[in-house]
Amino acid sequence: MSEIVKEKTEFTDAPDKLEIPKIEPKESFSLEQADVVFGKMWSIDNVPNWVQKNEDGQVFYGYDDGDGNTTWYDSEMNLDSSTPTPTEGDICDSLYPYES
């Protein structure tokens, strides 16, 4: 039978401890924004209440919070602004209720 010899190998180039870089978030959200971005907006059941088209063709989608305010997002879901919720008197060619 052959004899198996185990050799001890030492690594002299290995660092004493592994350095893991800290990753900072690119953008932070308030709890309200996180709820909108990760909860309400991405829910299958939630669709925008309003659509607004600017003169330059840019489209915004408005989400009514139920308290008289609408939060507007562009077509890439970037937060644009928050305004009082439009009324039926505000409806025109460039601002109208969303129809699914």
Protein backbone atom coordinates (compact mmCIF):
# COMPACT_ATOMS: atom_id res chain seq x y z
CA MET A 1 0.00 0.00 0.00
CA SER A 2 1.22 3.41 -0.79
CA GLU A 3 1.50 6.01 1.90
CA ILE A 4 -0.34 9.34 1.51
CA VAL A 5 1.61 12.35 2.68
CA LYS A 6 -0.24 15.51 3.58
CA GLU A 7 1.77 18.67 3.23
CA LYS A 8 0.96 21.88 5.01
CA THR A 9 0.83 24.78 2.61
CA GLU A 10 1.11 28.33 3.87
CA PHE A 11 -0.13 31.26 1.86
CA THR A 12 2.08 34.24 2.40
CA ASP A 13 0.25 36.52 -0.05
CA ALA A 14 -3.17 36.16 1.56
CA PRO A 15 -4.52 39.22 3.37
CA ASP A 16 -5.16 39.05 7.10
CA LYS A 17 -8.81 39.88 6.55
CA LEU A 18 -11.02 40.30 3.55
CA GLU A 19 -11.89 43.90 2.73
CA ILE A 20 -15.49 44.23 1.54
CA PRO A 21 -16.32 47.60 0.03
CA LYS A 22 -19.31 49.40 1.50
CA ILE A 23 -21.97 50.02 -1.11
CA GLU A 24 -23.90 53.23 -0.68
CA PRO A 25 -27.40 53.47 -2.15
CA LYS A 26 -27.64 55.78 -5.12
CA GLU A 27 -30.93 57.20 -3.96
CA SER A 28 -32.83 57.05 -0.72
CA PHE A 29 -36.59 57.04 -0.28
CA SER A 30 -38.84 58.31 2.46
CA LEU A 31 -41.26 55.72 3.79
CA GLU A 32 -44.07 57.39 1.85
CA GLN A 33 -42.07 57.29 -1.40
CA ALA A 34 -41.06 53.67 -0.82
CA ASP A 35 -44.70 52.75 -0.30
CA VAL A 36 -45.59 54.39 -3.60
CA VAL A 37 -42.65 53.02 -5.56
CA PHE A 38 -42.52 49.49 -4.19
CA GLY A 39 -46.07 49.02 -3.05
CA LYS A 40 -48.82 50.98 -4.71
CA MET A 41 -47.29 51.71 -8.11
CA TRP A 42 -46.03 48.20 -8.77
CA SER A 43 -49.26 46.56 -7.65
CA ILE A 44 -51.16 44.87 -10.45
CA ASP A 45 -54.41 46.28 -9.09
CA ASN A 46 -53.21 49.89 -9.00
CA VAL A 47 -53.42 51.91 -12.18
CA PRO A 48 -52.99 55.65 -12.57
CA ASN A 49 -55.99 57.88 -12.14
CA TRP A 50 -54.86 60.60 -14.56
CA VAL A 51 -52.82 61.13 -17.71
CA GLN A 52 -51.28 64.45 -18.66
CA LYS A 53 -49.46 65.20 -21.91
CA ASN A 54 -47.20 68.24 -22.18
CA GLU A 55 -46.83 70.35 -25.32
CA ASP A 56 -43.50 68.61 -26.03
CA GLY A 57 -45.22 65.18 -25.98
CA GLN A 58 -43.97 64.08 -22.59
CA VAL A 59 -46.56 61.93 -20.77
CA PHE A 60 -47.16 61.91 -17.01
CA TYR A 61 -49.28 59.54 -14.95
CA GLY A 62 -51.10 60.77 -11.86
CA TYR A 63 -51.89 58.65 -8.82
CA ASP A 64 -54.61 60.04 -6.55
CA ASP A 65 -53.83 59.47 -2.86
CA GLY A 66 -57.48 59.75 -1.83
CA ASP A 67 -56.78 62.85 0.27
CA GLY A 68 -57.07 65.41 -2.53
CA ASN A 69 -53.50 65.13 -3.84
CA THR A 70 -52.15 63.51 -6.99
CA THR A 71 -48.53 62.44 -7.40
CA TRP A 72 -47.22 62.58 -10.96
CA TYR A 73 -44.63 60.27 -12.56
CA ASP A 74 -43.12 60.30 -16.03
CA SER A 75 -43.30 57.29 -18.36
CA GLU A 76 -40.18 55.81 -16.72
CA MET A 77 -41.81 56.10 -13.27
CA ASN A 78 -39.57 58.96 -12.12
CA LEU A 79 -41.28 61.20 -9.58
CA ASP A 80 -42.19 64.53 -11.15
CA SER A 81 -44.45 66.44 -8.76
CA SER A 82 -47.46 66.42 -6.48
CA THR A 83 -50.49 68.64 -7.09
CA PRO A 84 -54.06 68.98 -5.90
CA THR A 85 -56.13 66.26 -7.56
CA PRO A 86 -57.67 67.46 -10.83
CA THR A 87 -61.44 67.81 -11.05
CA GLU A 88 -63.83 67.10 -13.90
CA GLY A 89 -63.60 70.80 -14.80
CA ASP A 90 -59.86 70.38 -15.46
CA ILE A 91 -60.35 67.67 -18.11
CA CYS A 92 -59.12 68.70 -21.57
CA ASP A 93 -57.12 67.26 -24.48
CA SER A 94 -53.91 67.24 -22.45
CA LEU A 95 -55.36 66.15 -19.06
CA TYR A 96 -57.82 63.32 -18.76
CA PRO A 97 -58.75 60.31 -16.58
CA TYR A 98 -56.75 57.15 -17.26
CA GLU A 99 -58.71 54.45 -19.08
CA SER A 100 -57.41 50.91 -18.92
